[in-house]
C-alpha cells in the first residue's frame, strides 16, 4: 500500500487545522505522528481514512484519489479518539457487527483477536460495563480484526497498564510484519519512537520535522 498527500490543507468554519501537508507513506511500515494536543494529528488520520476530505490538495491511496475514485481506502482499520461500540452488546457481538459490513473476519478470527488484546471472547458483559482499559483493548481489536492493509491508531496506549502497553507494541509489530502500513499517534515520545520506523513532527497543522528512527 502507498499513500500520497499532495499539498493538503484542511479548514473547518474558517479555522485552519492542517496547512500544506505533503508526504508519502509506504507499507510495511509504522509511521509515528508526534505533536501536542490540537496540533492536527487526529485530523490527519481522519483524512487518511476518508472520514473527511481536504479543503485543498489531494490524498491518493495506491494511485486512487480519495473522495473521487473511492470514498474510503479499500482495507482500513482505525481507532481514532475514543473507542465507540454498542453499549448493550458484548465485545464479541460488537466485533461481529463491525465485521459483518464487509464479511472479512469469521467468529474464529474474532475470538482470536479478542484473546490477543487480553480480553475473554466468552465474557457476556456489555460494553457499557467495561473499564476504560477494557474499552481501549476492544478498540484495538476492532482496528486489527480484519487484518487491514492500513491501520490508524490514535493514542492506542490510553488507559492501559504496563502489560497493555507491551501488548500494543507486540501487536503493532506483528501487523507490520504481516505487511500493513500503520499510522500511530502517541503523546509519549519514548513509546512513539520505540514503535515507529519514521516520525513526522506536526506543529500547528504543519509538518515541522521528519526523521527516521534507528532501532
N, C-alpha and C. Protein backbone atom coordinates (compact mmCIF):
# COMPACT_ATOMS: atom_id res chain seq x y z
N UNK A 1 0.84 -1.19 0.00
CA UNK A 1 0.00 0.00 0.00
C UNK A 1 0.88 1.24 0.00
N UNK A 2 0.43 2.25 -0.74
CA UNK A 2 1.13 3.53 -0.79
C UNK A 2 0.12 4.67 -0.66
N UNK A 3 0.39 5.59 0.22
CA UNK A 3 -0.46 6.77 0.40
C UNK A 3 0.36 8.02 0.10
N UNK A 4 -0.21 8.90 -0.72
CA UNK A 4 0.46 10.15 -1.05
C UNK A 4 -0.46 11.32 -0.74
N UNK A 5 0.05 12.26 0.02
CA UNK A 5 -0.65 13.53 0.27
C UNK A 5 0.09 14.63 -0.47
N UNK A 6 -0.66 15.39 -1.26
CA UNK A 6 -0.07 16.45 -2.07
C UNK A 6 -0.66 17.78 -1.66
N UNK A 7 0.13 18.59 -0.96
CA UNK A 7 -0.25 19.95 -0.57
C UNK A 7 -1.65 20.00 0.06
N UNK A 8 -1.86 19.13 1.05
CA UNK A 8 -3.17 19.00 1.68
C UNK A 8 -3.34 20.05 2.80
N UNK A 9 -4.45 20.75 2.73
CA UNK A 9 -4.85 21.67 3.80
C UNK A 9 -6.29 21.37 4.18
N UNK A 10 -6.62 21.63 5.45
CA UNK A 10 -7.98 21.40 5.92
C UNK A 10 -8.39 22.51 6.87
N UNK A 11 -9.52 23.13 6.57
CA UNK A 11 -10.08 24.15 7.45
C UNK A 11 -11.52 23.79 7.76
N UNK A 12 -11.96 24.16 8.95
CA UNK A 12 -13.34 23.94 9.38
C UNK A 12 -13.86 25.23 9.97
N UNK A 13 -14.92 25.76 9.36
CA UNK A 13 -15.52 27.01 9.82
C UNK A 13 -14.46 28.10 10.01
N UNK A 14 -13.66 28.28 8.96
CA UNK A 14 -12.63 29.32 8.90
C UNK A 14 -11.44 29.08 9.84
N UNK A 15 -11.45 27.97 10.57
CA UNK A 15 -10.29 27.63 11.41
C UNK A 15 -9.37 26.70 10.62
N UNK A 16 -8.11 27.07 10.48
CA UNK A 16 -7.15 26.27 9.72
C UNK A 16 -6.60 25.16 10.63
N UNK A 17 -6.86 23.90 10.25
CA UNK A 17 -6.42 22.76 11.06
C UNK A 17 -5.11 22.18 10.53
N UNK A 18 -5.03 21.99 9.21
CA UNK A 18 -3.82 21.49 8.57
C UNK A 18 -3.43 22.42 7.44
N UNK A 19 -2.13 22.59 7.21
CA UNK A 19 -1.66 23.53 6.19
C UNK A 19 -0.55 22.90 5.35
N UNK A 20 -0.81 22.72 4.07
CA UNK A 20 0.19 22.33 3.07
C UNK A 20 0.99 21.10 3.49
N UNK A 21 0.27 20.00 3.76
CA UNK A 21 0.91 18.74 4.14
C UNK A 21 1.20 17.92 2.89
N UNK A 22 2.46 17.59 2.68
CA UNK A 22 2.85 16.70 1.59
C UNK A 22 3.72 15.59 2.17
N UNK A 23 3.33 14.33 1.91
CA UNK A 23 4.12 13.20 2.40
C UNK A 23 3.77 11.95 1.62
N UNK A 24 4.63 10.96 1.72
CA UNK A 24 4.40 9.67 1.06
C UNK A 24 4.66 8.56 2.08
N UNK A 25 3.69 7.66 2.20
CA UNK A 25 3.77 6.57 3.17
C UNK A 25 3.64 5.24 2.43
N UNK A 26 4.55 4.31 2.73
CA UNK A 26 4.54 3.02 2.04
C UNK A 26 4.59 1.87 3.05
N UNK A 27 3.84 0.82 2.77
CA UNK A 27 3.86 -0.39 3.59
C UNK A 27 5.03 -1.28 3.18
N UNK A 28 5.50 -2.16 4.10
CA UNK A 28 5.11 -2.29 5.51
C UNK A 28 5.94 -1.32 6.37
N UNK A 29 5.26 -0.60 7.23
CA UNK A 29 5.95 0.46 7.98
C UNK A 29 5.06 0.93 9.13
N UNK A 30 5.69 1.38 10.21
CA UNK A 30 4.97 2.07 11.27
C UNK A 30 5.41 3.53 11.23
N UNK A 31 4.45 4.40 10.98
CA UNK A 31 4.72 5.83 10.85
C UNK A 31 4.16 6.53 12.09
N UNK A 32 5.01 7.24 12.81
CA UNK A 32 4.59 7.94 14.01
C UNK A 32 4.24 9.38 13.73
N UNK A 33 3.20 9.87 14.39
CA UNK A 33 2.82 11.28 14.35
C UNK A 33 3.05 11.86 15.73
N UNK A 34 3.91 12.85 15.80
CA UNK A 34 4.25 13.47 17.07
C UNK A 34 3.72 14.90 17.09
N UNK A 35 3.18 15.31 18.24
CA UNK A 35 2.68 16.67 18.37
C UNK A 35 1.79 16.81 19.58
N UNK A 36 1.66 18.03 20.07
CA UNK A 36 0.81 18.27 21.23
C UNK A 36 -0.66 18.16 20.83
N UNK A 37 -1.54 18.09 21.83
CA UNK A 37 -2.98 18.07 21.55
C UNK A 37 -3.35 19.32 20.75
N UNK A 38 -4.15 19.11 19.71
CA UNK A 38 -4.58 20.23 18.88
C UNK A 38 -3.64 20.58 17.75
N UNK A 39 -2.56 19.77 17.60
CA UNK A 39 -1.59 20.08 16.54
C UNK A 39 -2.05 19.64 15.16
N UNK A 40 -3.03 18.73 15.09
CA UNK A 40 -3.55 18.29 13.80
C UNK A 40 -3.37 16.81 13.52
N UNK A 41 -2.84 16.06 14.49
CA UNK A 41 -2.59 14.63 14.28
C UNK A 41 -3.88 13.87 13.97
N UNK A 42 -4.90 14.09 14.79
CA UNK A 42 -6.15 13.35 14.61
C UNK A 42 -6.83 13.73 13.30
N UNK A 43 -6.80 15.00 12.93
CA UNK A 43 -7.39 15.41 11.66
C UNK A 43 -6.68 14.76 10.48
N UNK A 44 -5.36 14.64 10.59
CA UNK A 44 -4.61 13.97 9.52
C UNK A 44 -5.05 12.52 9.39
N UNK A 45 -5.27 11.84 10.51
CA UNK A 45 -5.76 10.46 10.46
C UNK A 45 -7.15 10.38 9.82
N UNK A 46 -8.00 11.33 10.15
CA UNK A 46 -9.33 11.35 9.55
C UNK A 46 -9.26 11.50 8.03
N UNK A 47 -8.32 12.31 7.58
CA UNK A 47 -8.13 12.49 6.13
C UNK A 47 -7.64 11.20 5.48
N UNK A 48 -6.74 10.49 6.15
CA UNK A 48 -6.17 9.28 5.58
C UNK A 48 -7.21 8.18 5.38
N UNK A 49 -8.24 8.14 6.23
CA UNK A 49 -9.23 7.07 6.09
C UNK A 49 -10.55 7.54 5.47
N UNK A 50 -10.59 8.78 4.97
CA UNK A 50 -11.76 9.23 4.24
C UNK A 50 -12.92 9.70 5.09
N UNK A 51 -12.70 9.88 6.41
CA UNK A 51 -13.77 10.41 7.25
C UNK A 51 -14.04 11.88 6.93
N UNK A 52 -13.00 12.60 6.48
CA UNK A 52 -13.14 13.97 5.97
C UNK A 52 -12.27 14.07 4.72
N UNK A 53 -12.53 15.08 3.91
CA UNK A 53 -11.74 15.31 2.71
C UNK A 53 -11.03 16.65 2.81
N UNK A 54 -9.93 16.82 2.08
CA UNK A 54 -9.17 18.07 2.18
C UNK A 54 -9.95 19.28 1.67
N UNK A 55 -9.67 20.42 2.25
CA UNK A 55 -10.17 21.68 1.70
C UNK A 55 -9.38 22.03 0.44
N UNK A 56 -8.08 21.71 0.49
CA UNK A 56 -7.20 21.88 -0.68
C UNK A 56 -6.26 20.69 -0.73
N UNK A 57 -5.78 20.36 -1.94
CA UNK A 57 -4.83 19.27 -2.10
C UNK A 57 -5.51 17.93 -2.34
N UNK A 58 -4.69 16.89 -2.42
CA UNK A 58 -5.18 15.56 -2.78
C UNK A 58 -4.60 14.48 -1.86
N UNK A 59 -5.44 13.47 -1.60
CA UNK A 59 -5.00 12.26 -0.90
C UNK A 59 -5.18 11.09 -1.86
N UNK A 60 -4.10 10.38 -2.15
CA UNK A 60 -4.17 9.24 -3.06
C UNK A 60 -3.80 7.96 -2.31
N UNK A 61 -4.62 6.92 -2.51
CA UNK A 61 -4.36 5.60 -1.95
C UNK A 61 -4.08 4.66 -3.11
N UNK A 62 -2.85 4.17 -3.20
CA UNK A 62 -2.46 3.32 -4.33
C UNK A 62 -2.86 3.95 -5.66
N UNK A 63 -2.64 5.24 -5.77
CA UNK A 63 -2.91 5.96 -7.02
C UNK A 63 -4.33 6.45 -7.19
N UNK A 64 -5.25 5.98 -6.36
CA UNK A 64 -6.66 6.38 -6.48
C UNK A 64 -6.94 7.60 -5.61
N UNK A 65 -7.65 8.55 -6.17
CA UNK A 65 -7.93 9.80 -5.47
C UNK A 65 -9.07 9.62 -4.48
N UNK A 66 -8.78 9.86 -3.20
CA UNK A 66 -9.79 9.72 -2.15
C UNK A 66 -10.81 10.84 -2.31
N UNK A 67 -12.09 10.47 -2.30
CA UNK A 67 -13.15 11.45 -2.49
C UNK A 67 -13.61 11.54 -3.93
N UNK A 68 -12.87 10.92 -4.85
CA UNK A 68 -13.28 10.91 -6.27
C UNK A 68 -13.31 9.48 -6.81
N UNK A 69 -12.13 8.83 -6.84
CA UNK A 69 -12.08 7.45 -7.33
C UNK A 69 -12.68 6.47 -6.32
N UNK A 70 -12.56 6.81 -5.05
CA UNK A 70 -13.16 5.98 -4.00
C UNK A 70 -13.40 6.84 -2.76
N UNK A 71 -14.37 6.43 -1.94
CA UNK A 71 -14.73 7.21 -0.75
C UNK A 71 -13.82 6.92 0.42
N UNK A 72 -13.43 5.64 0.55
CA UNK A 72 -12.58 5.20 1.66
C UNK A 72 -11.49 4.29 1.13
N UNK A 73 -10.40 4.12 1.87
CA UNK A 73 -9.44 3.07 1.50
C UNK A 73 -10.13 1.71 1.47
N UNK A 74 -9.69 0.84 0.57
CA UNK A 74 -10.36 -0.46 0.40
C UNK A 74 -10.22 -1.34 1.64
N UNK A 75 -9.12 -1.18 2.36
CA UNK A 75 -8.85 -2.05 3.50
C UNK A 75 -8.23 -1.23 4.62
N UNK A 76 -9.05 -0.86 5.61
CA UNK A 76 -8.59 0.03 6.67
C UNK A 76 -9.22 -0.35 8.00
N UNK A 77 -8.44 -0.24 9.06
CA UNK A 77 -8.93 -0.38 10.42
C UNK A 77 -8.48 0.82 11.22
N UNK A 78 -9.34 1.34 12.08
CA UNK A 78 -8.99 2.59 12.76
C UNK A 78 -9.49 2.62 14.20
N UNK A 79 -8.64 3.19 15.05
CA UNK A 79 -9.03 3.58 16.40
C UNK A 79 -8.66 5.05 16.53
N UNK A 80 -9.64 5.92 16.32
CA UNK A 80 -9.40 7.35 16.35
C UNK A 80 -10.20 7.95 17.50
N UNK A 81 -9.50 8.62 18.39
CA UNK A 81 -10.08 9.15 19.63
C UNK A 81 -10.62 8.00 20.47
N UNK A 82 -11.81 8.11 21.04
CA UNK A 82 -12.29 7.07 21.97
C UNK A 82 -12.92 5.89 21.22
N UNK A 83 -12.74 4.67 21.75
CA UNK A 83 -13.42 3.52 21.14
C UNK A 83 -14.94 3.70 21.21
N UNK A 84 -15.62 3.44 20.11
CA UNK A 84 -17.08 3.60 20.05
C UNK A 84 -17.72 2.28 19.64
N UNK A 85 -18.49 1.70 20.54
CA UNK A 85 -19.19 0.46 20.27
C UNK A 85 -20.61 0.55 20.81
N UNK A 86 -21.42 -0.47 20.53
CA UNK A 86 -22.80 -0.52 21.01
C UNK A 86 -22.80 -0.90 22.49
N UNK A 87 -23.38 -0.06 23.32
CA UNK A 87 -23.29 -0.19 24.77
C UNK A 87 -23.85 -1.50 25.31
N UNK A 88 -24.90 -2.01 24.71
CA UNK A 88 -25.59 -3.18 25.27
C UNK A 88 -25.07 -4.51 24.73
N UNK A 89 -24.10 -4.47 23.82
CA UNK A 89 -23.56 -5.69 23.24
C UNK A 89 -22.23 -6.07 23.90
N UNK A 90 -21.96 -7.36 23.92
CA UNK A 90 -20.67 -7.85 24.43
C UNK A 90 -19.56 -7.49 23.44
N UNK A 91 -18.32 -7.71 23.86
CA UNK A 91 -17.20 -7.46 22.96
C UNK A 91 -17.28 -8.30 21.70
N UNK A 92 -17.55 -9.59 21.85
CA UNK A 92 -17.65 -10.47 20.68
C UNK A 92 -18.77 -10.01 19.75
N UNK A 93 -19.92 -9.70 20.33
CA UNK A 93 -21.05 -9.29 19.49
C UNK A 93 -20.75 -7.97 18.77
N UNK A 94 -20.09 -7.06 19.44
CA UNK A 94 -19.72 -5.80 18.79
C UNK A 94 -18.81 -6.04 17.60
N UNK A 95 -17.82 -6.93 17.76
CA UNK A 95 -16.92 -7.20 16.63
C UNK A 95 -17.64 -7.97 15.52
N UNK A 96 -18.62 -8.79 15.88
CA UNK A 96 -19.42 -9.45 14.84
C UNK A 96 -20.19 -8.42 14.01
N UNK A 97 -20.75 -7.43 14.67
CA UNK A 97 -21.47 -6.37 13.95
C UNK A 97 -20.51 -5.59 13.05
N UNK A 98 -19.34 -5.24 13.60
CA UNK A 98 -18.36 -4.47 12.85
C UNK A 98 -17.89 -5.22 11.60
N UNK A 99 -17.57 -6.50 11.75
CA UNK A 99 -17.02 -7.26 10.63
C UNK A 99 -18.09 -7.73 9.65
N UNK A 100 -19.37 -7.65 10.03
CA UNK A 100 -20.44 -8.07 9.12
C UNK A 100 -20.58 -7.13 7.92
N UNK A 101 -20.04 -5.92 8.02
CA UNK A 101 -20.17 -4.94 6.93
C UNK A 101 -19.46 -5.45 5.68
N UNK A 102 -18.25 -5.98 5.83
CA UNK A 102 -17.50 -6.46 4.67
C UNK A 102 -17.29 -7.97 4.69
N UNK A 103 -17.63 -8.62 5.79
CA UNK A 103 -17.53 -10.08 5.85
C UNK A 103 -16.12 -10.62 5.73
N UNK A 104 -15.14 -9.89 6.31
CA UNK A 104 -13.74 -10.28 6.15
C UNK A 104 -13.19 -11.04 7.35
N UNK A 105 -13.99 -11.26 8.38
CA UNK A 105 -13.49 -11.99 9.55
C UNK A 105 -14.62 -12.83 10.13
N UNK A 106 -14.35 -14.13 10.29
CA UNK A 106 -15.32 -15.03 10.89
C UNK A 106 -15.17 -15.06 12.40
N UNK A 107 -15.99 -15.89 13.04
CA UNK A 107 -16.01 -15.95 14.50
C UNK A 107 -14.67 -16.41 15.08
N UNK A 108 -14.00 -17.34 14.41
CA UNK A 108 -12.71 -17.82 14.91
C UNK A 108 -11.69 -16.68 14.94
N UNK A 109 -11.67 -15.87 13.90
CA UNK A 109 -10.74 -14.73 13.85
C UNK A 109 -11.11 -13.69 14.91
N UNK A 110 -12.41 -13.46 15.09
CA UNK A 110 -12.87 -12.51 16.11
C UNK A 110 -12.41 -12.95 17.49
N UNK A 111 -12.63 -14.21 17.82
CA UNK A 111 -12.24 -14.72 19.14
C UNK A 111 -10.73 -14.68 19.32
N UNK A 112 -9.99 -15.02 18.26
CA UNK A 112 -8.53 -14.97 18.34
C UNK A 112 -8.05 -13.54 18.64
N UNK A 113 -8.66 -12.56 17.98
CA UNK A 113 -8.25 -11.16 18.16
C UNK A 113 -8.59 -10.67 19.56
N UNK A 114 -9.76 -11.05 20.06
CA UNK A 114 -10.15 -10.66 21.42
C UNK A 114 -9.14 -11.20 22.44
N UNK A 115 -8.72 -12.43 22.24
CA UNK A 115 -7.70 -13.00 23.15
C UNK A 115 -6.37 -12.27 23.00
N UNK A 116 -6.01 -11.90 21.77
CA UNK A 116 -4.74 -11.21 21.54
C UNK A 116 -4.65 -9.91 22.32
N UNK A 117 -5.78 -9.23 22.49
CA UNK A 117 -5.75 -7.95 23.22
C UNK A 117 -5.99 -8.13 24.71
N UNK A 118 -6.06 -9.38 25.17
CA UNK A 118 -6.14 -9.66 26.59
C UNK A 118 -7.55 -9.67 27.16
N UNK A 119 -8.56 -9.88 26.32
CA UNK A 119 -9.94 -9.99 26.78
C UNK A 119 -10.43 -11.42 26.59
N UNK A 120 -11.60 -11.71 27.16
CA UNK A 120 -12.19 -13.05 27.07
C UNK A 120 -13.35 -13.00 26.08
N UNK A 121 -13.25 -13.74 24.96
CA UNK A 121 -14.33 -13.70 23.97
C UNK A 121 -15.66 -14.22 24.50
N UNK A 122 -15.63 -15.03 25.56
CA UNK A 122 -16.87 -15.58 26.13
C UNK A 122 -17.48 -14.69 27.21
N UNK A 123 -16.85 -13.56 27.50
CA UNK A 123 -17.36 -12.65 28.52
C UNK A 123 -18.67 -12.01 28.03
N UNK A 124 -19.79 -12.25 28.74
CA UNK A 124 -21.08 -11.72 28.28
C UNK A 124 -21.31 -10.26 28.67
N UNK A 125 -20.40 -9.69 29.44
CA UNK A 125 -20.59 -8.34 29.95
C UNK A 125 -20.78 -7.35 28.80
N UNK A 126 -21.78 -6.45 28.89
CA UNK A 126 -21.98 -5.45 27.84
C UNK A 126 -20.88 -4.39 27.87
N UNK A 127 -20.65 -3.77 26.72
CA UNK A 127 -19.58 -2.78 26.57
C UNK A 127 -19.70 -1.65 27.58
N UNK A 128 -20.93 -1.25 27.94
CA UNK A 128 -21.10 -0.12 28.86
C UNK A 128 -20.54 -0.44 30.25
N UNK A 129 -20.36 -1.72 30.57
CA UNK A 129 -19.81 -2.09 31.88
C UNK A 129 -18.31 -2.34 31.82
N UNK A 130 -17.71 -2.14 30.67
CA UNK A 130 -16.26 -2.31 30.54
C UNK A 130 -15.53 -1.18 31.28
N UNK A 131 -14.36 -1.48 31.82
CA UNK A 131 -13.49 -0.44 32.34
C UNK A 131 -12.89 0.32 31.16
N UNK A 132 -12.24 1.46 31.44
CA UNK A 132 -11.61 2.23 30.37
C UNK A 132 -10.55 1.40 29.64
N UNK A 133 -9.78 0.64 30.41
CA UNK A 133 -8.75 -0.19 29.80
C UNK A 133 -9.33 -1.27 28.90
N UNK A 134 -10.43 -1.90 29.34
CA UNK A 134 -11.09 -2.91 28.52
C UNK A 134 -11.65 -2.31 27.24
N UNK A 135 -12.23 -1.11 27.35
CA UNK A 135 -12.75 -0.43 26.15
C UNK A 135 -11.62 -0.16 25.16
N UNK A 136 -10.48 0.27 25.69
CA UNK A 136 -9.34 0.54 24.82
C UNK A 136 -8.85 -0.73 24.13
N UNK A 137 -8.81 -1.82 24.87
CA UNK A 137 -8.38 -3.10 24.29
C UNK A 137 -9.34 -3.54 23.18
N UNK A 138 -10.65 -3.37 23.41
CA UNK A 138 -11.61 -3.75 22.36
C UNK A 138 -11.47 -2.84 21.15
N UNK A 139 -11.18 -1.57 21.39
CA UNK A 139 -10.95 -0.66 20.27
C UNK A 139 -9.77 -1.08 19.41
N UNK A 140 -8.71 -1.53 20.05
CA UNK A 140 -7.55 -2.03 19.30
C UNK A 140 -7.93 -3.28 18.52
N UNK A 141 -8.70 -4.17 19.17
CA UNK A 141 -9.16 -5.38 18.48
C UNK A 141 -9.97 -5.02 17.24
N UNK A 142 -10.83 -4.02 17.36
CA UNK A 142 -11.63 -3.60 16.23
C UNK A 142 -10.80 -3.08 15.07
N UNK A 143 -9.66 -2.46 15.38
CA UNK A 143 -8.81 -1.90 14.33
C UNK A 143 -8.03 -2.97 13.56
N UNK A 144 -7.75 -4.12 14.21
CA UNK A 144 -6.90 -5.12 13.56
C UNK A 144 -7.62 -6.40 13.17
N UNK A 145 -8.88 -6.57 13.60
CA UNK A 145 -9.54 -7.87 13.45
C UNK A 145 -9.64 -8.32 11.99
N UNK A 146 -9.79 -7.40 11.05
CA UNK A 146 -9.92 -7.78 9.65
C UNK A 146 -8.58 -7.81 8.92
N UNK A 147 -7.49 -7.68 9.67
CA UNK A 147 -6.13 -7.70 9.10
C UNK A 147 -6.03 -6.74 7.91
N UNK A 148 -6.35 -5.45 8.15
CA UNK A 148 -6.38 -4.49 7.05
C UNK A 148 -5.00 -4.09 6.56
N UNK A 149 -4.97 -3.52 5.35
CA UNK A 149 -3.71 -3.03 4.78
C UNK A 149 -3.26 -1.75 5.47
N UNK A 150 -4.22 -0.93 5.91
CA UNK A 150 -3.94 0.34 6.58
C UNK A 150 -4.54 0.32 7.97
N UNK A 151 -3.72 0.60 8.99
CA UNK A 151 -4.19 0.64 10.37
C UNK A 151 -3.85 2.02 10.95
N UNK A 152 -4.87 2.70 11.47
CA UNK A 152 -4.71 4.03 12.07
C UNK A 152 -5.05 3.93 13.54
N UNK A 153 -4.09 4.24 14.41
CA UNK A 153 -4.33 4.15 15.84
C UNK A 153 -3.91 5.45 16.53
N UNK A 154 -4.88 6.07 17.16
CA UNK A 154 -4.71 7.37 17.81
C UNK A 154 -4.61 7.15 19.32
N UNK A 155 -3.44 7.38 19.89
CA UNK A 155 -3.20 7.17 21.32
C UNK A 155 -3.63 5.76 21.77
N UNK A 156 -3.07 4.71 21.16
CA UNK A 156 -3.53 3.35 21.46
C UNK A 156 -3.23 2.88 22.88
N UNK A 157 -2.28 3.54 23.57
CA UNK A 157 -1.93 3.09 24.92
C UNK A 157 -2.73 3.81 26.01
N UNK A 158 -3.67 4.67 25.63
CA UNK A 158 -4.52 5.35 26.62
C UNK A 158 -5.17 4.33 27.56
N UNK A 159 -5.15 4.61 28.85
CA UNK A 159 -5.84 3.82 29.88
C UNK A 159 -5.28 2.40 30.05
N UNK A 160 -4.13 2.12 29.43
CA UNK A 160 -3.56 0.78 29.54
C UNK A 160 -2.43 0.75 30.57
N UNK A 161 -2.33 -0.40 31.25
CA UNK A 161 -1.23 -0.59 32.20
C UNK A 161 0.02 -1.06 31.45
N UNK A 162 1.05 -1.38 32.20
CA UNK A 162 2.32 -1.77 31.57
C UNK A 162 2.15 -2.98 30.66
N UNK A 163 1.39 -3.97 31.12
CA UNK A 163 1.15 -5.16 30.29
C UNK A 163 0.39 -4.81 29.02
N UNK A 164 -0.57 -3.90 29.15
CA UNK A 164 -1.35 -3.47 27.99
C UNK A 164 -0.50 -2.74 26.97
N UNK A 165 0.41 -1.90 27.45
CA UNK A 165 1.31 -1.18 26.54
C UNK A 165 2.20 -2.16 25.79
N UNK A 166 2.71 -3.17 26.50
CA UNK A 166 3.53 -4.19 25.85
C UNK A 166 2.72 -4.95 24.82
N UNK A 167 1.44 -5.24 25.12
CA UNK A 167 0.57 -5.92 24.17
C UNK A 167 0.42 -5.10 22.89
N UNK A 168 0.22 -3.78 23.03
CA UNK A 168 0.09 -2.91 21.86
C UNK A 168 1.35 -2.97 21.01
N UNK A 169 2.50 -2.89 21.66
CA UNK A 169 3.77 -2.93 20.92
C UNK A 169 3.90 -4.24 20.13
N UNK A 170 3.59 -5.36 20.78
CA UNK A 170 3.73 -6.65 20.12
C UNK A 170 2.75 -6.78 18.95
N UNK A 171 1.51 -6.34 19.16
CA UNK A 171 0.50 -6.45 18.10
C UNK A 171 0.87 -5.59 16.89
N UNK A 172 1.30 -4.37 17.13
CA UNK A 172 1.63 -3.48 16.00
C UNK A 172 2.85 -4.00 15.24
N UNK A 173 3.81 -4.56 15.94
CA UNK A 173 4.95 -5.16 15.25
C UNK A 173 4.51 -6.37 14.42
N UNK A 174 3.58 -7.15 14.95
CA UNK A 174 3.06 -8.29 14.19
C UNK A 174 2.32 -7.83 12.94
N UNK A 175 1.56 -6.76 13.08
CA UNK A 175 0.81 -6.26 11.92
C UNK A 175 1.76 -5.70 10.85
N UNK A 176 2.81 -5.03 11.27
CA UNK A 176 3.80 -4.56 10.30
C UNK A 176 4.46 -5.75 9.60
N UNK A 177 4.82 -6.80 10.38
CA UNK A 177 5.44 -7.98 9.78
C UNK A 177 4.51 -8.65 8.79
N UNK A 178 3.20 -8.54 9.02
CA UNK A 178 2.21 -9.10 8.10
C UNK A 178 2.16 -8.31 6.79
N UNK A 179 2.63 -7.04 6.83
CA UNK A 179 2.65 -6.24 5.62
C UNK A 179 1.82 -4.97 5.68
N UNK A 180 1.29 -4.63 6.86
CA UNK A 180 0.42 -3.47 6.98
C UNK A 180 1.21 -2.16 7.05
N UNK A 181 0.54 -1.09 6.64
CA UNK A 181 1.01 0.27 6.88
C UNK A 181 0.27 0.78 8.10
N UNK A 182 1.01 1.16 9.13
CA UNK A 182 0.42 1.59 10.40
C UNK A 182 0.77 3.05 10.63
N UNK A 183 -0.24 3.86 10.92
CA UNK A 183 -0.02 5.25 11.29
C UNK A 183 -0.44 5.40 12.74
N UNK A 184 0.50 5.87 13.56
CA UNK A 184 0.35 5.87 15.01
C UNK A 184 0.56 7.27 15.57
N UNK A 185 -0.38 7.73 16.38
CA UNK A 185 -0.20 8.97 17.13
C UNK A 185 -0.10 8.62 18.61
N UNK A 186 0.90 9.17 19.29
CA UNK A 186 1.09 8.87 20.70
C UNK A 186 1.78 10.05 21.37
N UNK A 187 1.24 10.48 22.52
CA UNK A 187 1.82 11.62 23.22
C UNK A 187 3.12 11.27 23.93
N UNK A 188 3.33 9.97 24.19
CA UNK A 188 4.54 9.52 24.87
C UNK A 188 5.64 9.31 23.82
N UNK A 189 6.62 10.20 23.81
CA UNK A 189 7.64 10.16 22.76
C UNK A 189 8.46 8.88 22.80
N UNK A 190 8.72 8.34 24.00
CA UNK A 190 9.53 7.13 24.09
C UNK A 190 8.80 5.94 23.47
N UNK A 191 7.49 5.82 23.73
CA UNK A 191 6.70 4.75 23.11
C UNK A 191 6.62 4.96 21.61
N UNK A 192 6.40 6.19 21.20
CA UNK A 192 6.28 6.51 19.77
C UNK A 192 7.55 6.10 19.02
N UNK A 193 8.69 6.47 19.56
CA UNK A 193 9.94 6.18 18.86
C UNK A 193 10.33 4.71 18.99
N UNK A 194 9.90 4.05 20.05
CA UNK A 194 10.15 2.62 20.21
C UNK A 194 9.41 1.83 19.14
N UNK A 195 8.22 2.30 18.75
CA UNK A 195 7.39 1.58 17.79
C UNK A 195 7.66 1.98 16.34
N UNK A 196 7.98 3.24 16.10
CA UNK A 196 7.94 3.79 14.74
C UNK A 196 9.23 3.55 13.96
N UNK A 197 9.06 3.43 12.63
CA UNK A 197 10.20 3.41 11.71
C UNK A 197 10.59 4.83 11.32
N UNK A 198 9.61 5.71 11.28
CA UNK A 198 9.85 7.12 10.97
C UNK A 198 8.80 7.96 11.69
N UNK A 199 9.13 9.21 11.95
CA UNK A 199 8.25 10.09 12.71
C UNK A 199 8.10 11.43 12.00
N UNK A 200 6.84 11.89 11.92
CA UNK A 200 6.55 13.23 11.45
C UNK A 200 6.14 14.08 12.65
N UNK A 201 6.82 15.18 12.86
CA UNK A 201 6.51 16.09 13.96
C UNK A 201 5.62 17.20 13.43
N UNK A 202 4.40 17.27 13.97
CA UNK A 202 3.41 18.25 13.50
C UNK A 202 3.26 19.36 14.53
N UNK A 203 3.38 20.58 14.07
CA UNK A 203 3.22 21.76 14.93
C UNK A 203 2.24 22.72 14.25
N UNK A 204 1.14 23.03 14.94
CA UNK A 204 0.13 23.97 14.41
C UNK A 204 -0.29 23.62 12.98
N UNK A 205 -0.52 22.32 12.76
CA UNK A 205 -1.06 21.88 11.47
C UNK A 205 -0.06 21.78 10.34
N UNK A 206 1.23 21.95 10.64
CA UNK A 206 2.27 21.84 9.62
C UNK A 206 3.30 20.79 10.04
N UNK A 207 3.90 20.14 9.05
CA UNK A 207 4.99 19.21 9.36
C UNK A 207 6.25 20.03 9.60
N UNK A 208 6.71 20.01 10.85
CA UNK A 208 7.89 20.79 11.20
C UNK A 208 9.17 20.00 11.00
N UNK A 209 9.08 18.67 11.20
CA UNK A 209 10.28 17.83 11.06
C UNK A 209 9.86 16.41 10.68
N UNK A 210 10.78 15.71 10.06
CA UNK A 210 10.59 14.30 9.70
C UNK A 210 11.92 13.59 9.91
N UNK A 211 11.90 12.46 10.62
CA UNK A 211 13.15 11.75 10.84
C UNK A 211 12.91 10.24 10.93
N UNK A 212 13.93 9.49 10.53
CA UNK A 212 13.90 8.04 10.64
C UNK A 212 14.37 7.65 12.04
N UNK A 213 13.83 6.55 12.56
CA UNK A 213 14.18 6.08 13.90
C UNK A 213 15.09 4.88 13.77
N UNK A 214 16.23 4.97 14.42
CA UNK A 214 17.19 3.86 14.40
C UNK A 214 16.91 2.93 15.58
N UNK A 215 16.72 1.64 15.30
CA UNK A 215 16.45 0.66 16.37
C UNK A 215 17.65 -0.25 16.54
